[in-house]
């Protein structure tokens, strides 16, 4: 049986990503404390503190690093779209083969 004072707060996984900017801005402008911001914006305290102290980048992306640069990704996207318009549909294995053929 959980005691009321020991209950964990239910934060949605990364549901606060847009609010983190507002929280950090409010703290930097001395409009509120970090404790108040965690409650007001429903952001885990450790997450907010890590962002404030630069331990974690504000623009952090989760998951593995991208294999393709944005420009390369755009070229492949345009190529696949053009092929599809001509009636040549591509499955994931064919796309992987195309990447490997091009040195990726």
PDB file of N, CA and C in Angstrom:
ATOM      1  N   UNK A   1       0.844  -1.176   0.000  1.00  0.00           N
ATOM      2  CA  UNK A   1       0.000   0.000   0.000  1.00  0.00           C
ATOM      3  C   UNK A   1       0.896   1.250   0.000  1.00  0.00           C
ATOM      4  N   UNK A   2       0.678   2.129  -0.972  1.00  0.00           N
ATOM      5  CA  UNK A   2       1.510   3.321  -1.087  1.00  0.00           C
ATOM      6  C   UNK A   2       0.981   4.418  -0.165  1.00  0.00           C
ATOM      7  N   UNK A   3       1.897   5.122   0.426  1.00  0.00           N
ATOM      8  CA  UNK A   3       1.528   6.276   1.248  1.00  0.00           C
ATOM      9  C   UNK A   3       1.355   7.470   0.337  1.00  0.00           C
ATOM     10  N   UNK A   4       0.470   8.354   0.698  1.00  0.00           N
ATOM     11  CA  UNK A   4       0.198   9.509  -0.152  1.00  0.00           C
ATOM     12  C   UNK A   4       1.423  10.345  -0.429  1.00  0.00           C
ATOM     13  N   UNK A   5       2.292  10.513   0.537  1.00  0.00           N
ATOM     14  CA  UNK A   5       3.482  11.339   0.359  1.00  0.00           C
ATOM     15  C   UNK A   5       4.560  10.687  -0.474  1.00  0.00           C
ATOM     16  N   UNK A   6       4.483   9.389  -0.686  1.00  0.00           N
ATOM     17  CA  UNK A   6       5.529   8.664  -1.420  1.00  0.00           C
ATOM     18  C   UNK A   6       5.107   8.251  -2.820  1.00  0.00           C
ATOM     19  N   UNK A   7       3.976   8.719  -3.301  1.00  0.00           N
ATOM     20  CA  UNK A   7       3.514   8.337  -4.627  1.00  0.00           C
ATOM     21  C   UNK A   7       4.372   9.004  -5.689  1.00  0.00           C
ATOM     22  N   UNK A   8       4.668   8.216  -6.748  1.00  0.00           N
ATOM     23  CA  UNK A   8       5.441   8.769  -7.858  1.00  0.00           C
ATOM     24  C   UNK A   8       4.523   9.604  -8.737  1.00  0.00           C
ATOM     25  N   UNK A   9       5.058  10.671  -9.273  1.00  0.00           N
ATOM     26  CA  UNK A   9       4.295  11.507 -10.184  1.00  0.00           C
ATOM     27  C   UNK A   9       4.269  10.823 -11.539  1.00  0.00           C
ATOM     28  N   UNK A  10       3.144  10.861 -12.194  1.00  0.00           N
ATOM     29  CA  UNK A  10       3.000  10.228 -13.496  1.00  0.00           C
ATOM     30  C   UNK A  10       3.262  11.263 -14.585  1.00  0.00           C
ATOM     31  N   UNK A  11       4.456  11.249 -15.141  1.00  0.00           N
ATOM     32  CA  UNK A  11       4.796  12.132 -16.247  1.00  0.00           C
ATOM     33  C   UNK A  11       4.636  11.331 -17.537  1.00  0.00           C
ATOM     34  N   UNK A  12       4.028  11.927 -18.535  1.00  0.00           N
ATOM     35  CA  UNK A  12       3.975  11.267 -19.834  1.00  0.00           C
ATOM     36  C   UNK A  12       5.366  11.310 -20.441  1.00  0.00           C
ATOM     37  N   UNK A  13       5.760  10.257 -21.107  1.00  0.00           N
ATOM     38  CA  UNK A  13       7.094  10.192 -21.691  1.00  0.00           C
ATOM     39  C   UNK A  13       7.273  11.296 -22.726  1.00  0.00           C
ATOM     40  N   UNK A  14       8.091  12.252 -22.409  1.00  0.00           N
ATOM     41  CA  UNK A  14       8.457  13.366 -23.293  1.00  0.00           C
ATOM     42  C   UNK A  14       7.250  14.192 -23.728  1.00  0.00           C
ATOM     43  N   UNK A  15       6.210  14.255 -22.905  1.00  0.00           N
ATOM     44  CA  UNK A  15       5.035  15.059 -23.221  1.00  0.00           C
ATOM     45  C   UNK A  15       5.293  16.532 -22.954  1.00  0.00           C
ATOM     46  N   UNK A  16       6.418  16.852 -22.364  1.00  0.00           N
ATOM     47  CA  UNK A  16       6.695  18.219 -21.938  1.00  0.00           C
ATOM     48  C   UNK A  16       7.723  18.897 -22.828  1.00  0.00           C
ATOM     49  N   UNK A  17       8.044  18.329 -23.970  1.00  0.00           N
ATOM     50  CA  UNK A  17       9.156  18.835 -24.782  1.00  0.00           C
ATOM     51  C   UNK A  17       8.995  20.310 -25.172  1.00  0.00           C
ATOM     52  N   UNK A  18       7.779  20.745 -25.485  1.00  0.00           N
ATOM     53  CA  UNK A  18       7.583  22.156 -25.844  1.00  0.00           C
ATOM     54  C   UNK A  18       7.612  23.054 -24.615  1.00  0.00           C
ATOM     55  N   UNK A  19       7.117  22.536 -23.515  1.00  0.00           N
ATOM     56  CA  UNK A  19       7.062  23.332 -22.293  1.00  0.00           C
ATOM     57  C   UNK A  19       8.429  23.550 -21.667  1.00  0.00           C
ATOM     58  N   UNK A  20       9.393  22.715 -22.004  1.00  0.00           N
ATOM     59  CA  UNK A  20      10.714  22.837 -21.367  1.00  0.00           C
ATOM     60  C   UNK A  20      11.364  24.165 -21.732  1.00  0.00           C
ATOM     61  N   UNK A  21      11.122  24.632 -22.952  1.00  0.00           N
ATOM     62  CA  UNK A  21      11.681  25.922 -23.376  1.00  0.00           C
ATOM     63  C   UNK A  21      11.082  27.060 -22.550  1.00  0.00           C
ATOM     64  N   UNK A  22       9.774  27.002 -22.360  1.00  0.00           N
ATOM     65  CA  UNK A  22       9.105  28.042 -21.576  1.00  0.00           C
ATOM     66  C   UNK A  22       9.565  28.008 -20.123  1.00  0.00           C
ATOM     67  N   UNK A  23       9.730  26.805 -19.585  1.00  0.00           N
ATOM     68  CA  UNK A  23      10.179  26.670 -18.191  1.00  0.00           C
ATOM     69  C   UNK A  23      11.585  27.234 -18.017  1.00  0.00           C
ATOM     70  N   UNK A  24      12.490  26.876 -18.903  1.00  0.00           N
ATOM     71  CA  UNK A  24      13.868  27.368 -18.816  1.00  0.00           C
ATOM     72  C   UNK A  24      13.910  28.880 -18.972  1.00  0.00           C
ATOM     73  N   UNK A  25      13.132  29.400 -19.896  1.00  0.00           N
ATOM     74  CA  UNK A  25      13.071  30.854 -20.109  1.00  0.00           C
ATOM     75  C   UNK A  25      12.559  31.561 -18.865  1.00  0.00           C
ATOM     76  N   UNK A  26      11.511  31.015 -18.253  1.00  0.00           N
ATOM     77  CA  UNK A  26      10.946  31.632 -17.044  1.00  0.00           C
ATOM     78  C   UNK A  26      11.959  31.635 -15.909  1.00  0.00           C
ATOM     79  N   UNK A  27      12.735  30.580 -15.794  1.00  0.00           N
ATOM     80  CA  UNK A  27      13.756  30.505 -14.738  1.00  0.00           C
ATOM     81  C   UNK A  27      14.877  31.504 -15.017  1.00  0.00           C
ATOM     82  N   UNK A  28      15.324  31.574 -16.274  1.00  0.00           N
ATOM     83  CA  UNK A  28      16.385  32.519 -16.626  1.00  0.00           C
ATOM     84  C   UNK A  28      15.965  33.970 -16.408  1.00  0.00           C
ATOM     85  N   UNK A  29      14.699  34.268 -16.579  1.00  0.00           N
ATOM     86  CA  UNK A  29      14.196  35.631 -16.378  1.00  0.00           C
ATOM     87  C   UNK A  29      13.796  35.891 -14.933  1.00  0.00           C
ATOM     88  N   UNK A  30      14.101  34.943 -14.056  1.00  0.00           N
ATOM     89  CA  UNK A  30      13.769  35.047 -12.630  1.00  0.00           C
ATOM     90  C   UNK A  30      12.267  35.212 -12.391  1.00  0.00           C
ATOM     91  N   UNK A  31      11.458  34.668 -13.267  1.00  0.00           N
ATOM     92  CA  UNK A  31      10.013  34.736 -13.101  1.00  0.00           C
ATOM     93  C   UNK A  31       9.505  33.637 -12.170  1.00  0.00           C
ATOM     94  N   UNK A  32      10.286  32.542 -12.060  1.00  0.00           N
ATOM     95  CA  UNK A  32       9.912  31.462 -11.142  1.00  0.00           C
ATOM     96  C   UNK A  32      11.139  30.618 -10.834  1.00  0.00           C
ATOM     97  N   UNK A  33      11.040  29.881  -9.748  1.00  0.00           N
ATOM     98  CA  UNK A  33      12.133  28.994  -9.349  1.00  0.00           C
ATOM     99  C   UNK A  33      12.022  27.679 -10.119  1.00  0.00           C
ATOM    100  N   UNK A  34      13.078  26.889 -10.060  1.00  0.00           N
ATOM    101  CA  UNK A  34      13.062  25.584 -10.712  1.00  0.00           C
ATOM    102  C   UNK A  34      11.982  24.695 -10.103  1.00  0.00           C
ATOM    103  N   UNK A  35      11.827  24.764  -8.776  1.00  0.00           N
ATOM    104  CA  UNK A  35      10.791  23.960  -8.120  1.00  0.00           C
ATOM    105  C   UNK A  35       9.401  24.332  -8.619  1.00  0.00           C
ATOM    106  N   UNK A  36       9.147  25.621  -8.733  1.00  0.00           N
ATOM    107  CA  UNK A  36       7.846  26.075  -9.221  1.00  0.00           C
ATOM    108  C   UNK A  36       7.645  25.664 -10.672  1.00  0.00           C
ATOM    109  N   UNK A  37       8.688  25.786 -11.479  1.00  0.00           N
ATOM    110  CA  UNK A  37       8.602  25.432 -12.904  1.00  0.00           C
ATOM    111  C   UNK A  37       8.303  23.953 -13.098  1.00  0.00           C
ATOM    112  N   UNK A  38       8.908  23.087 -12.265  1.00  0.00           N
ATOM    113  CA  UNK A  38       8.638  21.647 -12.409  1.00  0.00           C
ATOM    114  C   UNK A  38       7.171  21.346 -12.156  1.00  0.00           C
ATOM    115  N   UNK A  39       6.576  22.048 -11.229  1.00  0.00           N
ATOM    116  CA  UNK A  39       5.158  21.835 -10.914  1.00  0.00           C
ATOM    117  C   UNK A  39       4.252  22.485 -11.961  1.00  0.00           C
ATOM    118  N   UNK A  40       4.588  23.706 -12.321  1.00  0.00           N
ATOM    119  CA  UNK A  40       3.767  24.469 -13.267  1.00  0.00           C
ATOM    120  C   UNK A  40       3.740  23.807 -14.652  1.00  0.00           C
ATOM    121  N   UNK A  41       4.902  23.365 -15.135  1.00  0.00           N
ATOM    122  CA  UNK A  41       5.005  22.806 -16.479  1.00  0.00           C
ATOM    123  C   UNK A  41       4.971  21.282 -16.506  1.00  0.00           C
ATOM    124  N   UNK A  42       4.892  20.656 -15.312  1.00  0.00           N
ATOM    125  CA  UNK A  42       4.839  19.197 -15.190  1.00  0.00           C
ATOM    126  C   UNK A  42       6.034  18.536 -15.876  1.00  0.00           C
ATOM    127  N   UNK A  43       7.217  19.034 -15.538  1.00  0.00           N
ATOM    128  CA  UNK A  43       8.475  18.517 -16.062  1.00  0.00           C
ATOM    129  C   UNK A  43       9.241  17.893 -14.899  1.00  0.00           C
ATOM    130  N   UNK A  44       9.802  16.699 -15.085  1.00  0.00           N
ATOM    131  CA  UNK A  44      10.593  16.107 -14.006  1.00  0.00           C
ATOM    132  C   UNK A  44      11.726  17.045 -13.589  1.00  0.00           C
ATOM    133  N   UNK A  45      11.943  17.167 -12.290  1.00  0.00           N
ATOM    134  CA  UNK A  45      12.927  18.114 -11.761  1.00  0.00           C
ATOM    135  C   UNK A  45      14.327  17.832 -12.297  1.00  0.00           C
ATOM    136  N   UNK A  46      14.721  16.564 -12.335  1.00  0.00           N
ATOM    137  CA  UNK A  46      16.068  16.213 -12.815  1.00  0.00           C
ATOM    138  C   UNK A  46      16.234  16.632 -14.275  1.00  0.00           C
ATOM    139  N   UNK A  47      15.204  16.422 -15.079  1.00  0.00           N
ATOM    140  CA  UNK A  47      15.255  16.813 -16.491  1.00  0.00           C
ATOM    141  C   UNK A  47      15.461  18.317 -16.617  1.00  0.00           C
ATOM    142  N   UNK A  48      14.693  19.077 -15.875  1.00  0.00           N
ATOM    143  CA  UNK A  48      14.791  20.535 -15.938  1.00  0.00           C
ATOM    144  C   UNK A  48      16.154  21.022 -15.464  1.00  0.00           C
ATOM    145  N   UNK A  49      16.634  20.489 -14.362  1.00  0.00           N
ATOM    146  CA  UNK A  49      17.948  20.879 -13.826  1.00  0.00           C
ATOM    147  C   UNK A  49      19.049  20.537 -14.821  1.00  0.00           C
ATOM    148  N   UNK A  50      18.976  19.349 -15.438  1.00  0.00           N
ATOM    149  CA  UNK A  50      19.984  18.960 -16.429  1.00  0.00           C
ATOM    150  C   UNK A  50      19.988  19.906 -17.628  1.00  0.00           C
ATOM    151  N   UNK A  51      18.825  20.343 -18.060  1.00  0.00           N
ATOM    152  CA  UNK A  51      18.734  21.304 -19.167  1.00  0.00           C
ATOM    153  C   UNK A  51      19.309  22.656 -18.746  1.00  0.00           C
ATOM    154  N   UNK A  52      18.983  23.095 -17.542  1.00  0.00           N
ATOM    155  CA  UNK A  52      19.461  24.384 -17.054  1.00  0.00           C
ATOM    156  C   UNK A  52      20.981  24.430 -16.925  1.00  0.00           C
ATOM    157  N   UNK A  53      21.567  23.337 -16.480  1.00  0.00           N
ATOM    158  CA  UNK A  53      23.010  23.295 -16.233  1.00  0.00           C
ATOM    159  C   UNK A  53      23.806  22.795 -17.438  1.00  0.00           C
ATOM    160  N   UNK A  54      23.128  22.556 -18.552  1.00  0.00           N
ATOM    161  CA  UNK A  54      23.813  22.157 -19.775  1.00  0.00           C
ATOM    162  C   UNK A  54      24.312  20.717 -19.783  1.00  0.00           C
ATOM    163  N   UNK A  55      23.834  19.890 -18.874  1.00  0.00           N
ATOM    164  CA  UNK A  55      24.240  18.485 -18.867  1.00  0.00           C
ATOM    165  C   UNK A  55      23.589  17.722 -20.010  1.00  0.00           C
ATOM    166  N   UNK A  56      22.427  18.193 -20.431  1.00  0.00           N
ATOM    167  CA  UNK A  56      21.701  17.606 -21.548  1.00  0.00           C
ATOM    168  C   UNK A  56      21.316  18.743 -22.481  1.00  0.00           C
ATOM    169  N   UNK A  57      21.554  18.573 -23.777  1.00  0.00           N
ATOM    170  CA  UNK A  57      21.243  19.613 -24.753  1.00  0.00           C
ATOM    171  C   UNK A  57      19.748  19.855 -24.837  1.00  0.00           C
ATOM    172  N   UNK A  58      19.366  21.082 -25.098  1.00  0.00           N
ATOM    173  CA  UNK A  58      17.955  21.413 -25.266  1.00  0.00           C
ATOM    174  C   UNK A  58      17.390  20.711 -26.506  1.00  0.00           C
ATOM    175  N   UNK A  59      18.175  20.599 -27.546  1.00  0.00           N
ATOM    176  CA  UNK A  59      17.745  19.993 -28.809  1.00  0.00           C
ATOM    177  C   UNK A  59      18.184  18.543 -28.899  1.00  0.00           C
ATOM    178  N   UNK A  60      18.066  17.837 -27.835  1.00  0.00           N
ATOM    179  CA  UNK A  60      18.516  16.448 -27.796  1.00  0.00           C
ATOM    180  C   UNK A  60      17.546  15.555 -28.551  1.00  0.00           C
ATOM    181  N   UNK A  61      18.100  14.672 -29.384  1.00  0.00           N
ATOM    182  CA  UNK A  61      17.287  13.705 -30.108  1.00  0.00           C
ATOM    183  C   UNK A  61      17.523  12.327 -29.507  1.00  0.00           C
ATOM    184  N   UNK A  62      16.457  11.610 -29.333  1.00  0.00           N
ATOM    185  CA  UNK A  62      16.548  10.276 -28.767  1.00  0.00           C
ATOM    186  C   UNK A  62      16.827   9.274 -29.886  1.00  0.00           C
ATOM    187  N   UNK A  63      17.419   8.161 -29.513  1.00  0.00           N
ATOM    188  CA  UNK A  63      17.667   7.087 -30.468  1.00  0.00           C
ATOM    189  C   UNK A  63      19.035   7.187 -31.099  1.00  0.00           C
ATOM    190  N   UNK A  64      19.308   6.286 -32.034  1.00  0.00           N
ATOM    191  CA  UNK A  64      20.623   6.266 -32.680  1.00  0.00           C
ATOM    192  C   UNK A  64      20.828   7.491 -33.567  1.00  0.00           C
ATOM    193  N   UNK A  65      22.083   7.807 -33.828  1.00  0.00           N
ATOM    194  CA  UNK A  65      22.372   8.934 -34.709  1.00  0.00           C
ATOM    195  C   UNK A  65      21.962   8.586 -36.138  1.00  0.00           C
ATOM    196  N   UNK A  66      21.625   9.596 -36.895  1.00  0.00           N
ATOM    197  CA  UNK A  66      21.166   9.401 -38.267  1.00  0.00           C
ATOM    198  C   UNK A  66      22.311   8.929 -39.149  1.00  0.00           C
ATOM    199  N   UNK A  67      21.978   8.045 -40.082  1.00  0.00           N
ATOM    200  CA  UNK A  67      22.967   7.549 -41.037  1.00  0.00           C
ATOM    201  C   UNK A  67      23.153   8.552 -42.167  1.00  0.00           C
ATOM    202  N   UNK A  68      22.063   9.162 -42.585  1.00  0.00           N
ATOM    203  CA  UNK A  68      22.093  10.113 -43.695  1.00  0.00           C
ATOM    204  C   UNK A  68      21.989  11.544 -43.183  1.00  0.00           C
ATOM    205  N   UNK A  69      22.671  12.430 -43.870  1.00  0.00           N
ATOM    206  CA  UNK A  69      22.512  13.856 -43.610  1.00  0.00           C
ATOM    207  C   UNK A  69      21.162  14.279 -44.188  1.00  0.00           C
ATOM    208  N   UNK A  70      20.639  15.402 -43.735  1.00  0.00           N
ATOM    209  CA  UNK A  70      19.329  15.882 -44.204  1.00  0.00           C
ATOM    210  C   UNK A  70      19.288  16.029 -45.729  1.00  0.00           C
ATOM    211  N   UNK A  71      20.362  16.546 -46.305  1.00  0.00           N
ATOM    212  CA  UNK A  71      20.412  16.748 -47.760  1.00  0.00           C
ATOM    213  C   UNK A  71      20.358  15.413 -48.496  1.00  0.00           C
ATOM    214  N   UNK A  72      21.120  14.430 -47.987  1.00  0.00           N
ATOM    215  CA  UNK A  72      21.121  13.100 -48.599  1.00  0.00           C
ATOM    216  C   UNK A  72      19.754  12.439 -48.461  1.00  0.00           C
ATOM    217  N   UNK A  73      19.159  12.609 -47.300  1.00  0.00           N
ATOM    218  CA  UNK A  73      17.837  12.038 -47.061  1.00  0.00           C
ATOM    219  C   UNK A  73      16.825  12.625 -48.038  1.00  0.00           C
ATOM    220  N   UNK A  74      16.933  13.927 -48.271  1.00  0.00           N
ATOM    221  CA  UNK A  74      16.041  14.593 -49.221  1.00  0.00           C
ATOM    222  C   UNK A  74      16.211  14.077 -50.636  1.00  0.00           C
ATOM    223  N   UNK A  75      17.470  13.831 -51.032  1.00  0.00           N
ATOM    224  CA  UNK A  75      17.715  13.293 -52.380  1.00  0.00           C
ATOM    225  C   UNK A  75      17.079  11.917 -52.537  1.00  0.00           C
ATOM    226  N   UNK A  76      17.270  11.054 -51.523  1.00  0.00           N
ATOM    227  CA  UNK A  76      16.672   9.725 -51.589  1.00  0.00           C
ATOM    228  C   UNK A  76      15.150   9.802 -51.576  1.00  0.00           C
ATOM    229  N   UNK A  77      14.596  10.699 -50.795  1.00  0.00           N
ATOM    230  CA  UNK A  77      13.149  10.862 -50.751  1.00  0.00           C
ATOM    231  C   UNK A  77      12.605  11.281 -52.110  1.00  0.00           C
ATOM    232  N   UNK A  78      13.279  12.239 -52.748  1.00  0.00           N
ATOM    233  CA  UNK A  78      12.858  12.692 -54.081  1.00  0.00           C
ATOM    234  C   UNK A  78      12.963  11.567 -55.107  1.00  0.00           C
ATOM    235  N   UNK A  79      14.021  10.779 -55.032  1.00  0.00           N
ATOM    236  CA  UNK A  79      14.233   9.675 -55.959  1.00  0.00           C
ATOM    237  C   UNK A  79      13.137   8.617 -55.791  1.00  0.00           C
ATOM    238  N   UNK A  80      12.844   8.243 -54.533  1.00  0.00           N
ATOM    239  CA  UNK A  80      11.812   7.239 -54.269  1.00  0.00           C
ATOM    240  C   UNK A  80      10.447   7.737 -54.752  1.00  0.00           C
ATOM    241  N   UNK A  81      10.152   9.015 -54.502  1.00  0.00           N
ATOM    242  CA  UNK A  81       8.876   9.588 -54.935  1.00  0.00           C
ATOM    243  C   UNK A  81       8.766   9.582 -56.454  1.00  0.00           C
ATOM    244  N   UNK A  82       9.851   9.954 -57.145  1.00  0.00           N
ATOM    245  CA  UNK A  82       9.849   9.962 -58.609  1.00  0.00           C
ATOM    246  C   UNK A  82       9.667   8.542 -59.166  1.00  0.00           C
ATOM    247  N   UNK A  83      10.340   7.581 -58.555  1.00  0.00           N
ATOM    248  CA  UNK A  83      10.198   6.187 -58.989  1.00  0.00           C
ATOM    249  C   UNK A  83       8.764   5.702 -58.769  1.00  0.00           C
ATOM    250  N   UNK A  84       8.169   6.060 -57.641  1.00  0.00           N
ATOM    251  CA  UNK A  84       6.797   5.641 -57.338  1.00  0.00           C
ATOM    252  C   UNK A  84       5.807   6.241 -58.335  1.00  0.00           C
ATOM    253  N   UNK A  85       6.035   7.493 -58.738  1.00  0.00           N
ATOM    254  CA  UNK A  85       5.152   8.127 -59.719  1.00  0.00           C
ATOM    255  C   UNK A  85       5.219   7.428 -61.068  1.00  0.00           C
ATOM    256  N   UNK A  86       6.368   6.793 -61.351  1.00  0.00           N
ATOM    257  CA  UNK A  86       6.525   6.042 -62.602  1.00  0.00           C
ATOM    258  C   UNK A  86       6.006   4.607 -62.471  1.00  0.00           C
ATOM    259  N   UNK A  87       5.569   4.258 -61.266  1.00  0.00           N
ATOM    260  CA  UNK A  87       5.015   2.924 -61.062  1.00  0.00           C
ATOM    261  C   UNK A  87       5.989   1.923 -60.475  1.00  0.00           C
ATOM    262  N   UNK A  88       7.186   2.375 -60.111  1.00  0.00           N
ATOM    263  CA  UNK A  88       8.191   1.485 -59.536  1.00  0.00           C
ATOM    264  C   UNK A  88       8.192   1.640 -58.016  1.00  0.00           C
ATOM    265  N   UNK A  89       7.384   0.837 -57.364  1.00  0.00           N
ATOM    266  CA  UNK A  89       7.319   0.901 -55.912  1.00  0.00           C
ATOM    267  C   UNK A  89       8.499   0.155 -55.315  1.00  0.00           C
ATOM    268  N   UNK A  90       8.945   0.576 -54.144  1.00  0.00           N
ATOM    269  CA  UNK A  90      10.152   0.024 -53.530  1.00  0.00           C
ATOM    270  C   UNK A  90       9.826  -0.444 -52.116  1.00  0.00           C
ATOM    271  N   UNK A  91      10.225  -1.671 -51.795  1.00  0.00           N
ATOM    272  CA  UNK A  91      10.044  -2.128 -50.419  1.00  0.00           C
ATOM    273  C   UNK A  91      11.306  -1.813 -49.621  1.00  0.00           C
ATOM    274  N   UNK A  92      11.279  -2.104 -48.328  1.00  0.00           N
ATOM    275  CA  UNK A  92      12.391  -1.716 -47.456  1.00  0.00           C
ATOM    276  C   UNK A  92      13.702  -2.405 -47.848  1.00  0.00           C
ATOM    277  N   UNK A  93      13.643  -3.650 -48.305  1.00  0.00           N
ATOM    278  CA  UNK A  93      14.868  -4.347 -48.710  1.00  0.00           C
ATOM    279  C   UNK A  93      15.495  -3.702 -49.943  1.00  0.00           C
ATOM    280  N   UNK A  94      14.665  -3.300 -50.889  1.00  0.00           N
ATOM    281  CA  UNK A  94      15.176  -2.622 -52.080  1.00  0.00           C
ATOM    282  C   UNK A  94      15.794  -1.274 -51.719  1.00  0.00           C
ATOM    283  N   UNK A  95      15.176  -0.582 -50.772  1.00  0.00           N
ATOM    284  CA  UNK A  95      15.730   0.700 -50.332  1.00  0.00           C
ATOM    285  C   UNK A  95      17.083   0.488 -49.658  1.00  0.00           C
ATOM    286  N   UNK A  96      17.190  -0.518 -48.807  1.00  0.00           N
ATOM    287  CA  UNK A  96      18.469  -0.823 -48.148  1.00  0.00           C
ATOM    288  C   UNK A  96      19.532  -1.160 -49.166  1.00  0.00           C
ATOM    289  N   UNK A  97      19.154  -1.933 -50.197  1.00  0.00           N
ATOM    290  CA  UNK A  97      20.114  -2.262 -51.262  1.00  0.00           C
ATOM    291  C   UNK A  97      20.577  -0.997 -51.985  1.00  0.00           C
ATOM    292  N   UNK A  98      19.643  -0.072 -52.232  1.00  0.00           N
ATOM    293  CA  UNK A  98      19.998   1.185 -52.901  1.00  0.00           C
ATOM    294  C   UNK A  98      20.962   2.001 -52.045  1.00  0.00           C
ATOM    295  N   UNK A  99      20.731   2.015 -50.741  1.00  0.00           N
ATOM    296  CA  UNK A  99      21.646   2.725 -49.843  1.00  0.00           C
ATOM    297  C   UNK A  99      23.043   2.117 -49.888  1.00  0.00           C
ATOM    298  N   UNK A 100      23.109   0.791 -49.823  1.00  0.00           N
ATOM    299  CA  UNK A 100      24.412   0.106 -49.837  1.00  0.00           C
ATOM    300  C   UNK A 100      25.120   0.316 -51.164  1.00  0.00           C
ATOM    301  N   UNK A 101      24.366   0.312 -52.272  1.00  0.00           N
ATOM    302  CA  UNK A 101      24.960   0.552 -53.583  1.00  0.00           C
ATOM    303  C   UNK A 101      25.585   1.937 -53.650  1.00  0.00           C
ATOM    304  N   UNK A 102      24.998   2.892 -52.947  1.00  0.00           N
ATOM    305  CA  UNK A 102      25.503   4.254 -52.938  1.00  0.00           C
ATOM    306  C   UNK A 102      26.482   4.534 -51.807  1.00  0.00           C
ATOM    307  N   UNK A 103      26.953   3.500 -51.136  1.00  0.00           N
ATOM    308  CA  UNK A 103      27.994   3.657 -50.131  1.00  0.00           C
ATOM    309  C   UNK A 103      27.531   3.991 -48.730  1.00  0.00           C
ATOM    310  N   UNK A 104      26.287   3.687 -48.403  1.00  0.00           N
ATOM    311  CA  UNK A 104      25.777   3.990 -47.062  1.00  0.00           C
ATOM    312  C   UNK A 104      25.664   2.738 -46.273  1.00  0.00           C
TER     313      UNK A 104
END
